[in-house]
Amino acid sequence: MGYGIRRRLQVARRPSVVKRALKYAVVVGSILIAINHGGAILAGDVEWNRLARMALTTMVPYCVSTLSSVDALLNAERAGP
């Protein structure tokens, strides 16, 4: 039996899930920003549209980490002790 969106959002808001996702967003997001925007940063070519793309770049690892954590926690909950 699957879990509804409300249950998934409940788990996604757990402090441990948010903290883990933020760590991954900072580390992996920084690496992705360096790869994708490093040249522009070094050249001083950073405008609002690029800053917006950089912000979105950090959201990718945050979302992946959150989804992965939620699934793992719900699967462990379903399996029981």
N, C-alpha and C. Protein backbone atom coordinates (compact mmCIF):
# COMPACT_ATOMS: atom_id res chain seq x y z
N MET A 1 0.84 -1.18 0.00
CA MET A 1 0.00 0.00 0.00
C MET A 1 0.89 1.24 0.00
N GLY A 2 0.61 2.19 -0.87
CA GLY A 2 1.41 3.41 -0.96
C GLY A 2 1.03 4.44 0.08
N TYR A 3 1.83 5.46 0.16
CA TYR A 3 1.58 6.55 1.09
C TYR A 3 1.08 7.76 0.32
N GLY A 4 0.19 8.51 0.93
CA GLY A 4 -0.36 9.70 0.30
C GLY A 4 0.61 10.87 0.37
N ILE A 5 0.24 11.90 -0.34
CA ILE A 5 1.09 13.09 -0.41
C ILE A 5 1.24 13.75 0.96
N ARG A 6 0.18 13.74 1.76
CA ARG A 6 0.27 14.36 3.09
C ARG A 6 1.30 13.66 3.95
N ARG A 7 1.30 12.35 3.93
CA ARG A 7 2.28 11.59 4.72
C ARG A 7 3.70 11.86 4.21
N ARG A 8 3.85 11.88 2.92
CA ARG A 8 5.18 12.15 2.35
C ARG A 8 5.68 13.55 2.72
N LEU A 9 4.79 14.55 2.68
CA LEU A 9 5.17 15.91 3.06
C LEU A 9 5.51 16.00 4.54
N GLN A 10 4.79 15.23 5.36
CA GLN A 10 5.10 15.18 6.80
C GLN A 10 6.53 14.71 7.02
N VAL A 11 6.88 13.62 6.36
CA VAL A 11 8.23 13.06 6.51
C VAL A 11 9.26 14.02 5.91
N ALA A 12 8.95 14.64 4.79
CA ALA A 12 9.89 15.57 4.14
C ALA A 12 10.21 16.77 5.02
N ARG A 13 9.30 17.12 5.93
CA ARG A 13 9.53 18.28 6.80
C ARG A 13 10.24 17.92 8.10
N ARG A 14 10.57 16.66 8.29
CA ARG A 14 11.30 16.27 9.50
C ARG A 14 12.64 16.99 9.52
N PRO A 15 13.04 17.48 10.69
CA PRO A 15 14.32 18.19 10.77
C PRO A 15 15.51 17.38 10.25
N SER A 16 15.53 16.09 10.50
CA SER A 16 16.66 15.27 10.03
C SER A 16 16.70 15.20 8.51
N VAL A 17 15.54 15.15 7.88
CA VAL A 17 15.47 15.09 6.42
C VAL A 17 15.90 16.43 5.83
N VAL A 18 15.39 17.51 6.39
CA VAL A 18 15.73 18.85 5.89
C VAL A 18 17.22 19.12 6.07
N LYS A 19 17.76 18.77 7.23
CA LYS A 19 19.19 19.01 7.50
C LYS A 19 20.08 18.24 6.52
N ARG A 20 19.74 16.98 6.28
CA ARG A 20 20.51 16.16 5.34
C ARG A 20 20.42 16.74 3.94
N ALA A 21 19.23 17.13 3.52
CA ALA A 21 19.04 17.67 2.18
C ALA A 21 19.80 18.98 1.99
N LEU A 22 19.81 19.82 3.03
CA LEU A 22 20.55 21.08 2.95
C LEU A 22 22.05 20.83 2.80
N LYS A 23 22.56 19.85 3.53
CA LYS A 23 23.99 19.51 3.40
C LYS A 23 24.32 19.11 1.97
N TYR A 24 23.49 18.22 1.39
CA TYR A 24 23.74 17.79 0.02
C TYR A 24 23.57 18.94 -0.97
N ALA A 25 22.60 19.80 -0.72
CA ALA A 25 22.38 20.93 -1.63
C ALA A 25 23.60 21.84 -1.65
N VAL A 26 24.19 22.08 -0.49
CA VAL A 26 25.36 22.96 -0.43
C VAL A 26 26.56 22.32 -1.12
N VAL A 27 26.84 21.06 -0.79
CA VAL A 27 28.03 20.40 -1.34
C VAL A 27 27.87 20.13 -2.83
N VAL A 28 26.82 19.38 -3.18
CA VAL A 28 26.64 19.00 -4.59
C VAL A 28 26.26 20.22 -5.43
N GLY A 29 25.44 21.11 -4.88
CA GLY A 29 25.07 22.32 -5.60
C GLY A 29 26.27 23.18 -5.93
N SER A 30 27.19 23.31 -4.97
CA SER A 30 28.41 24.09 -5.22
C SER A 30 29.25 23.49 -6.33
N ILE A 31 29.35 22.17 -6.34
CA ILE A 31 30.11 21.49 -7.40
C ILE A 31 29.44 21.73 -8.76
N LEU A 32 28.11 21.57 -8.79
CA LEU A 32 27.40 21.79 -10.05
C LEU A 32 27.50 23.23 -10.52
N ILE A 33 27.43 24.18 -9.60
CA ILE A 33 27.57 25.59 -9.97
C ILE A 33 28.96 25.85 -10.53
N ALA A 34 29.98 25.28 -9.91
CA ALA A 34 31.35 25.46 -10.41
C ALA A 34 31.49 24.88 -11.82
N ILE A 35 30.89 23.72 -12.04
CA ILE A 35 30.98 23.09 -13.37
C ILE A 35 30.21 23.91 -14.41
N ASN A 36 28.97 24.26 -14.07
CA ASN A 36 28.09 24.89 -15.06
C ASN A 36 28.27 26.40 -15.20
N HIS A 37 28.73 27.06 -14.16
CA HIS A 37 28.80 28.52 -14.20
C HIS A 37 30.18 29.08 -13.82
N GLY A 38 31.12 28.21 -13.59
CA GLY A 38 32.44 28.66 -13.14
C GLY A 38 33.10 29.66 -14.05
N GLY A 39 33.04 29.41 -15.35
CA GLY A 39 33.64 30.33 -16.31
C GLY A 39 33.02 31.72 -16.24
N ALA A 40 31.71 31.76 -16.14
CA ALA A 40 31.01 33.05 -16.05
C ALA A 40 31.34 33.75 -14.74
N ILE A 41 31.44 33.00 -13.67
CA ILE A 41 31.78 33.60 -12.38
C ILE A 41 33.17 34.22 -12.44
N LEU A 42 34.14 33.47 -12.97
CA LEU A 42 35.50 33.98 -13.08
C LEU A 42 35.59 35.20 -14.01
N ALA A 43 34.73 35.24 -15.02
CA ALA A 43 34.73 36.36 -15.96
C ALA A 43 33.91 37.54 -15.44
N GLY A 44 33.26 37.35 -14.30
CA GLY A 44 32.44 38.43 -13.75
C GLY A 44 31.12 38.62 -14.47
N ASP A 45 30.70 37.61 -15.21
CA ASP A 45 29.46 37.68 -15.99
C ASP A 45 28.32 37.01 -15.22
N VAL A 46 27.95 37.63 -14.11
CA VAL A 46 26.90 37.06 -13.27
C VAL A 46 25.77 38.08 -13.14
N GLU A 47 24.70 37.81 -13.88
CA GLU A 47 23.53 38.67 -13.83
C GLU A 47 22.39 37.93 -13.15
N TRP A 48 21.26 38.61 -13.00
CA TRP A 48 20.13 38.03 -12.25
C TRP A 48 19.66 36.71 -12.82
N ASN A 49 19.62 36.59 -14.15
CA ASN A 49 19.15 35.33 -14.72
C ASN A 49 20.10 34.18 -14.41
N ARG A 50 21.39 34.46 -14.37
CA ARG A 50 22.35 33.41 -14.02
C ARG A 50 22.24 33.07 -12.53
N LEU A 51 22.05 34.08 -11.69
CA LEU A 51 21.86 33.82 -10.26
C LEU A 51 20.64 32.95 -10.02
N ALA A 52 19.58 33.20 -10.78
CA ALA A 52 18.37 32.37 -10.65
C ALA A 52 18.66 30.93 -11.04
N ARG A 53 19.42 30.74 -12.12
CA ARG A 53 19.77 29.38 -12.53
C ARG A 53 20.67 28.71 -11.50
N MET A 54 21.55 29.48 -10.86
CA MET A 54 22.40 28.92 -9.80
C MET A 54 21.54 28.46 -8.62
N ALA A 55 20.55 29.26 -8.27
CA ALA A 55 19.65 28.89 -7.17
C ALA A 55 18.90 27.61 -7.52
N LEU A 56 18.42 27.51 -8.74
CA LEU A 56 17.73 26.30 -9.17
C LEU A 56 18.68 25.10 -9.18
N THR A 57 19.93 25.34 -9.52
CA THR A 57 20.93 24.26 -9.53
C THR A 57 21.07 23.64 -8.15
N THR A 58 21.01 24.44 -7.10
CA THR A 58 21.12 23.89 -5.75
C THR A 58 19.86 23.16 -5.33
N MET A 59 18.74 23.48 -5.96
CA MET A 59 17.49 22.80 -5.60
C MET A 59 17.45 21.36 -6.08
N VAL A 60 18.20 21.04 -7.14
CA VAL A 60 18.19 19.67 -7.67
C VAL A 60 18.71 18.68 -6.62
N PRO A 61 19.91 18.86 -6.06
CA PRO A 61 20.35 17.89 -5.05
C PRO A 61 19.47 17.92 -3.79
N TYR A 62 18.89 19.08 -3.46
CA TYR A 62 17.99 19.15 -2.30
C TYR A 62 16.77 18.25 -2.54
N CYS A 63 16.19 18.37 -3.71
CA CYS A 63 15.01 17.56 -4.02
C CYS A 63 15.33 16.06 -4.10
N VAL A 64 16.44 15.73 -4.73
CA VAL A 64 16.83 14.33 -4.83
C VAL A 64 17.07 13.73 -3.45
N SER A 65 17.78 14.44 -2.60
CA SER A 65 18.04 13.96 -1.25
C SER A 65 16.75 13.80 -0.46
N THR A 66 15.86 14.78 -0.57
CA THR A 66 14.59 14.73 0.16
C THR A 66 13.75 13.54 -0.30
N LEU A 67 13.60 13.39 -1.59
CA LEU A 67 12.80 12.28 -2.11
C LEU A 67 13.38 10.93 -1.70
N SER A 68 14.69 10.80 -1.78
CA SER A 68 15.35 9.57 -1.39
C SER A 68 15.16 9.27 0.10
N SER A 69 15.32 10.29 0.93
CA SER A 69 15.15 10.12 2.38
C SER A 69 13.71 9.74 2.73
N VAL A 70 12.76 10.41 2.11
CA VAL A 70 11.35 10.11 2.38
C VAL A 70 11.04 8.67 2.01
N ASP A 71 11.46 8.24 0.83
CA ASP A 71 11.20 6.85 0.42
C ASP A 71 11.87 5.85 1.36
N ALA A 72 13.11 6.12 1.74
CA ALA A 72 13.82 5.20 2.64
C ALA A 72 13.14 5.12 4.00
N LEU A 73 12.74 6.26 4.54
CA LEU A 73 12.09 6.27 5.85
C LEU A 73 10.72 5.59 5.80
N LEU A 74 9.96 5.84 4.76
CA LEU A 74 8.66 5.20 4.64
C LEU A 74 8.78 3.70 4.42
N ASN A 75 9.76 3.27 3.65
CA ASN A 75 10.00 1.84 3.45
C ASN A 75 10.41 1.16 4.76
N ALA A 76 11.25 1.83 5.55
CA ALA A 76 11.67 1.28 6.85
C ALA A 76 10.46 1.21 7.79
N GLU A 77 9.63 2.23 7.73
CA GLU A 77 8.42 2.26 8.57
C GLU A 77 7.48 1.12 8.18
N ARG A 78 7.35 0.89 6.91
CA ARG A 78 6.47 -0.17 6.42
C ARG A 78 7.00 -1.55 6.80
N ALA A 79 8.33 -1.71 6.78
CA ALA A 79 8.93 -3.01 7.08
C ALA A 79 8.80 -3.35 8.57
N GLY A 80 8.72 -2.33 9.39
CA GLY A 80 8.59 -2.56 10.82
C GLY A 80 9.92 -2.87 11.48
N PRO A 81 9.83 -3.29 12.76
CA PRO A 81 11.08 -3.53 13.52
C PRO A 81 11.90 -4.69 13.04
